[in-house]
Amino acid sequence: MNIVLILLPISAFVAGIFLIMFINAVRGGQFEDLDDAPWRILDDD
């Protein structure tokens, strides 16, 4: 039971870091154009 008291705050901290990273990626515009990148690979220049 003591391991739960150790792992619960650690997992909440790691989840918070991932949440901050996701919010930062959304604000940075990383998810703006998801459809164009696959087609750019197929285009011949």
C-alpha atoms as a PDB file:
ATOM      1  CA  MET A   1       0.000   0.000   0.000  1.00  0.00           C
ATOM      2  CA  ASN A   2       2.921   2.330   0.633  1.00  0.00           C
ATOM      3  CA  ILE A   3       4.038   2.077  -2.983  1.00  0.00           C
ATOM      4  CA  VAL A   4       0.770   3.716  -4.064  1.00  0.00           C
ATOM      5  CA  LEU A   5       1.621   6.745  -1.934  1.00  0.00           C
ATOM      6  CA  ILE A   6       4.930   7.025  -3.797  1.00  0.00           C
ATOM      7  CA  LEU A   7       3.781   6.276  -7.337  1.00  0.00           C
ATOM      8  CA  LEU A   8       0.631   8.403  -7.340  1.00  0.00           C
ATOM      9  CA  PRO A   9       2.394  11.780  -6.959  1.00  0.00           C
ATOM     10  CA  ILE A  10       5.109  10.742  -9.411  1.00  0.00           C
ATOM     11  CA  SER A  11       2.560   9.747 -12.040  1.00  0.00           C
ATOM     12  CA  ALA A  12       0.584  12.957 -11.478  1.00  0.00           C
ATOM     13  CA  PHE A  13       3.786  14.971 -11.938  1.00  0.00           C
ATOM     14  CA  VAL A  14       4.681  13.153 -15.177  1.00  0.00           C
ATOM     15  CA  ALA A  15       1.116  13.598 -16.474  1.00  0.00           C
ATOM     16  CA  GLY A  16       1.335  17.313 -15.697  1.00  0.00           C
ATOM     17  CA  ILE A  17       4.578  17.590 -17.665  1.00  0.00           C
ATOM     18  CA  PHE A  18       2.988  15.894 -20.675  1.00  0.00           C
ATOM     19  CA  LEU A  19      -0.039  18.187 -20.399  1.00  0.00           C
ATOM     20  CA  ILE A  20       2.193  21.254 -20.402  1.00  0.00           C
ATOM     21  CA  MET A  21       4.101  19.906 -23.422  1.00  0.00           C
ATOM     22  CA  PHE A  22       0.836  19.259 -25.293  1.00  0.00           C
ATOM     23  CA  ILE A  23      -0.519  22.735 -24.562  1.00  0.00           C
ATOM     24  CA  ASN A  24       2.789  24.241 -25.683  1.00  0.00           C
ATOM     25  CA  ALA A  25       2.634  22.270 -28.967  1.00  0.00           C
ATOM     26  CA  VAL A  26      -0.938  23.409 -29.637  1.00  0.00           C
ATOM     27  CA  ARG A  27      -0.077  27.045 -28.933  1.00  0.00           C
ATOM     28  CA  GLY A  28       2.999  26.756 -31.151  1.00  0.00           C
ATOM     29  CA  GLY A  29       0.884  25.750 -34.139  1.00  0.00           C
ATOM     30  CA  GLN A  30       2.214  22.225 -34.513  1.00  0.00           C
ATOM     31  CA  PHE A  31      -1.266  20.847 -35.241  1.00  0.00           C
ATOM     32  CA  GLU A  32      -2.380  23.550 -37.677  1.00  0.00           C
ATOM     33  CA  ASP A  33      -1.937  21.719 -40.993  1.00  0.00           C
ATOM     34  CA  LEU A  34      -2.149  17.942 -40.648  1.00  0.00           C
ATOM     35  CA  ASP A  35      -3.357  17.234 -44.202  1.00  0.00           C
ATOM     36  CA  ASP A  36      -0.702  18.988 -46.287  1.00  0.00           C
ATOM     37  CA  ALA A  37       2.433  17.209 -45.038  1.00  0.00           C
ATOM     38  CA  PRO A  38       1.606  13.728 -46.402  1.00  0.00           C
ATOM     39  CA  TRP A  39       0.800  15.188 -49.825  1.00  0.00           C
ATOM     40  CA  ARG A  40       4.014  17.237 -49.936  1.00  0.00           C
ATOM     41  CA  ILE A  41       6.046  14.026 -49.818  1.00  0.00           C
ATOM     42  CA  LEU A  42       4.318  12.735 -52.943  1.00  0.00           C
ATOM     43  CA  ASP A  43       4.734  15.929 -54.963  1.00  0.00           C
ATOM     44  CA  ASP A  44       7.562  16.012 -57.493  1.00  0.00           C
ATOM     45  CA  ASP A  45       9.403  19.287 -57.514  1.00  0.00           C
END
